[in-house]
C-alpha atoms as a PDB file:
ATOM      1  CA  UNK A   1      -8.606  -2.342  15.600  1.00  0.00           C
ATOM      2  CA  UNK A   2      -5.357  -1.632  17.382  1.00  0.00           C
ATOM      3  CA  UNK A   3      -5.341   1.554  19.457  1.00  0.00           C
ATOM      4  CA  UNK A   4      -2.538   3.152  17.386  1.00  0.00           C
ATOM      5  CA  UNK A   5      -4.627   2.883  14.209  1.00  0.00           C
ATOM      6  CA  UNK A   6      -7.794   4.591  13.020  1.00  0.00           C
ATOM      7  CA  UNK A   7     -10.073   3.880  10.069  1.00  0.00           C
ATOM      8  CA  UNK A   8      -9.855   6.042   6.983  1.00  0.00           C
ATOM      9  CA  UNK A   9      -9.445   5.952   3.227  1.00  0.00           C
ATOM     10  CA  UNK A  10      -6.308   6.445   1.156  1.00  0.00           C
ATOM     11  CA  UNK A  11      -5.473   6.941  -2.493  1.00  0.00           C
ATOM     12  CA  UNK A  12      -2.357   7.281  -4.603  1.00  0.00           C
ATOM     13  CA  UNK A  13      -1.418  10.538  -6.374  1.00  0.00           C
ATOM     14  CA  UNK A  14      -3.007   9.412  -9.619  1.00  0.00           C
ATOM     15  CA  UNK A  15      -6.256  11.004 -10.789  1.00  0.00           C
ATOM     16  CA  UNK A  16      -7.627   7.566 -11.683  1.00  0.00           C
ATOM     17  CA  UNK A  17      -6.724   5.833  -8.411  1.00  0.00           C
ATOM     18  CA  UNK A  18      -9.671   4.761  -6.257  1.00  0.00           C
ATOM     19  CA  UNK A  19      -9.995   5.373  -2.526  1.00  0.00           C
ATOM     20  CA  UNK A  20      -9.300   2.246  -0.497  1.00  0.00           C
ATOM     21  CA  UNK A  21     -10.314   1.574   3.120  1.00  0.00           C
ATOM     22  CA  UNK A  22      -7.290   1.558   5.404  1.00  0.00           C
ATOM     23  CA  UNK A  23      -6.085   1.415   8.984  1.00  0.00           C
ATOM     24  CA  UNK A  24      -4.025   4.597   9.345  1.00  0.00           C
ATOM     25  CA  UNK A  25      -1.273   5.056  11.925  1.00  0.00           C
ATOM     26  CA  UNK A  26      -2.318   7.750  14.422  1.00  0.00           C
ATOM     27  CA  UNK A  27       0.084  10.608  15.178  1.00  0.00           C
ATOM     28  CA  UNK A  28       2.752   9.578  12.714  1.00  0.00           C
ATOM     29  CA  UNK A  29       3.391  10.561   9.091  1.00  0.00           C
ATOM     30  CA  UNK A  30       5.970   9.758   6.468  1.00  0.00           C
ATOM     31  CA  UNK A  31       7.133  13.071   4.958  1.00  0.00           C
ATOM     32  CA  UNK A  32       3.645  14.425   5.679  1.00  0.00           C
ATOM     33  CA  UNK A  33       1.793  11.479   4.095  1.00  0.00           C
ATOM     34  CA  UNK A  34      -0.491   8.880   5.677  1.00  0.00           C
ATOM     35  CA  UNK A  35       0.923   5.511   6.739  1.00  0.00           C
ATOM     36  CA  UNK A  36      -1.783   2.954   5.901  1.00  0.00           C
ATOM     37  CA  UNK A  37      -2.200  -0.739   6.550  1.00  0.00           C
ATOM     38  CA  UNK A  38      -4.745  -2.786   4.612  1.00  0.00           C
ATOM     39  CA  UNK A  39      -6.936  -5.838   5.114  1.00  0.00           C
ATOM     40  CA  UNK A  40      -6.161  -8.802   2.819  1.00  0.00           C
ATOM     41  CA  UNK A  41      -9.065  -8.108   0.446  1.00  0.00           C
ATOM     42  CA  UNK A  42      -8.046  -4.466   0.026  1.00  0.00           C
ATOM     43  CA  UNK A  43      -4.388  -5.427  -0.430  1.00  0.00           C
ATOM     44  CA  UNK A  44      -5.492  -7.719  -3.262  1.00  0.00           C
ATOM     45  CA  UNK A  45      -7.398  -4.852  -4.914  1.00  0.00           C
ATOM     46  CA  UNK A  46      -4.382  -2.549  -4.651  1.00  0.00           C
ATOM     47  CA  UNK A  47      -2.029  -5.244  -5.988  1.00  0.00           C
ATOM     48  CA  UNK A  48      -4.353  -5.836  -8.945  1.00  0.00           C
ATOM     49  CA  UNK A  49      -4.582  -2.082  -9.599  1.00  0.00           C
ATOM     50  CA  UNK A  50      -0.804  -1.609  -9.489  1.00  0.00           C
ATOM     51  CA  UNK A  51      -0.126  -4.628 -11.678  1.00  0.00           C
ATOM     52  CA  UNK A  52      -2.636  -3.365 -14.256  1.00  0.00           C
ATOM     53  CA  UNK A  53      -0.949   0.064 -14.278  1.00  0.00           C
ATOM     54  CA  UNK A  54       2.516  -1.344 -14.728  1.00  0.00           C
ATOM     55  CA  UNK A  55       2.418  -2.434 -18.333  1.00  0.00           C
ATOM     56  CA  UNK A  56       6.182  -2.002 -18.406  1.00  0.00           C
ATOM     57  CA  UNK A  57       6.512  -4.117 -15.251  1.00  0.00           C
ATOM     58  CA  UNK A  58       8.251  -1.317 -13.331  1.00  0.00           C
ATOM     59  CA  UNK A  59       6.218  -1.895 -10.139  1.00  0.00           C
ATOM     60  CA  UNK A  60       4.880  -5.390  -9.578  1.00  0.00           C
ATOM     61  CA  UNK A  61       2.989  -7.042  -6.756  1.00  0.00           C
ATOM     62  CA  UNK A  62       3.336 -10.761  -6.192  1.00  0.00           C
ATOM     63  CA  UNK A  63       1.643 -13.100  -3.737  1.00  0.00           C
ATOM     64  CA  UNK A  64       3.634 -15.958  -2.246  1.00  0.00           C
ATOM     65  CA  UNK A  65       1.093 -17.776  -0.104  1.00  0.00           C
ATOM     66  CA  UNK A  66      -0.331 -15.080   2.176  1.00  0.00           C
ATOM     67  CA  UNK A  67       2.763 -12.881   1.848  1.00  0.00           C
ATOM     68  CA  UNK A  68       2.659  -9.918  -0.504  1.00  0.00           C
ATOM     69  CA  UNK A  69       5.862  -8.675  -2.139  1.00  0.00           C
ATOM     70  CA  UNK A  70       6.142  -5.355  -3.962  1.00  0.00           C
ATOM     71  CA  UNK A  71       8.993  -4.872  -6.418  1.00  0.00           C
ATOM     72  CA  UNK A  72       9.842  -1.392  -7.650  1.00  0.00           C
ATOM     73  CA  UNK A  73      12.143  -0.462 -10.532  1.00  0.00           C
ATOM     74  CA  UNK A  74      11.944  -4.041 -11.758  1.00  0.00           C
ATOM     75  CA  UNK A  75      14.682  -5.038 -14.164  1.00  0.00           C
ATOM     76  CA  UNK A  76      16.933  -2.075 -13.343  1.00  0.00           C
ATOM     77  CA  UNK A  77      20.012  -1.701 -11.168  1.00  0.00           C
ATOM     78  CA  UNK A  78      17.747   0.100  -8.657  1.00  0.00           C
ATOM     79  CA  UNK A  79      15.361  -2.855  -8.324  1.00  0.00           C
ATOM     80  CA  UNK A  80      13.975  -3.118  -4.813  1.00  0.00           C
ATOM     81  CA  UNK A  81      11.739  -5.883  -3.448  1.00  0.00           C
ATOM     82  CA  UNK A  82       9.915  -5.555  -0.145  1.00  0.00           C
ATOM     83  CA  UNK A  83       7.609  -7.832   1.796  1.00  0.00           C
ATOM     84  CA  UNK A  84       4.447  -5.809   2.496  1.00  0.00           C
ATOM     85  CA  UNK A  85       2.864  -8.212   4.946  1.00  0.00           C
ATOM     86  CA  UNK A  86       0.956  -9.525   6.608  1.00  0.00           C
ATOM     87  CA  UNK A  87       2.276  -7.970   9.800  1.00  0.00           C
ATOM     88  CA  UNK A  88      -0.150  -7.722  12.705  1.00  0.00           C
ATOM     89  CA  UNK A  89      -2.804  -8.943  10.257  1.00  0.00           C
ATOM     90  CA  UNK A  90      -2.346  -6.007   7.866  1.00  0.00           C
ATOM     91  CA  UNK A  91      -0.513  -5.373   4.606  1.00  0.00           C
ATOM     92  CA  UNK A  92       1.673  -2.255   4.636  1.00  0.00           C
ATOM     93  CA  UNK A  93       1.888  -1.490   0.918  1.00  0.00           C
ATOM     94  CA  UNK A  94       4.136   1.532   0.397  1.00  0.00           C
ATOM     95  CA  UNK A  95       4.105   2.357   4.114  1.00  0.00           C
ATOM     96  CA  UNK A  96       6.916   4.768   5.000  1.00  0.00           C
ATOM     97  CA  UNK A  97       7.837   5.173   1.327  1.00  0.00           C
ATOM     98  CA  UNK A  98       4.844   6.150  -0.859  1.00  0.00           C
ATOM     99  CA  UNK A  99       2.717   9.274  -0.971  1.00  0.00           C
ATOM    100  CA  UNK A 100      -0.716   8.220   0.298  1.00  0.00           C
ATOM    101  CA  UNK A 101      -3.494  10.839   0.266  1.00  0.00           C
ATOM    102  CA  UNK A 102      -6.000  10.352   3.034  1.00  0.00           C
ATOM    103  CA  UNK A 103      -9.565  11.240   3.920  1.00  0.00           C
ATOM    104  CA  UNK A 104     -11.462  10.502   7.079  1.00  0.00           C
ATOM    105  CA  UNK A 105     -13.860   7.574   7.278  1.00  0.00           C
ATOM    106  CA  UNK A 106     -17.455   8.824   7.270  1.00  0.00           C
END
């Protein structure tokens, strides 16, 4: 693991959201929230979870080869698509833009 990252677990502010293993940026927050990166397998689980939640298609995750793209506000004038990785071997889903709760790895 890179020396600016530490292991931990993160979840979204949804009572049903699971806790996913993450590599969390040390000493930096986004508006007080964790900045997590994810291994490929975990990124797939999160993408599947988000796609299942988005019956209306508002937030969608799409794989193009090994690249993961996250589209928010799909089909609106505020639609925004972002490549979430891989960068440095990790997928940065919602990094620097989503509220990620965190707990320490045990």
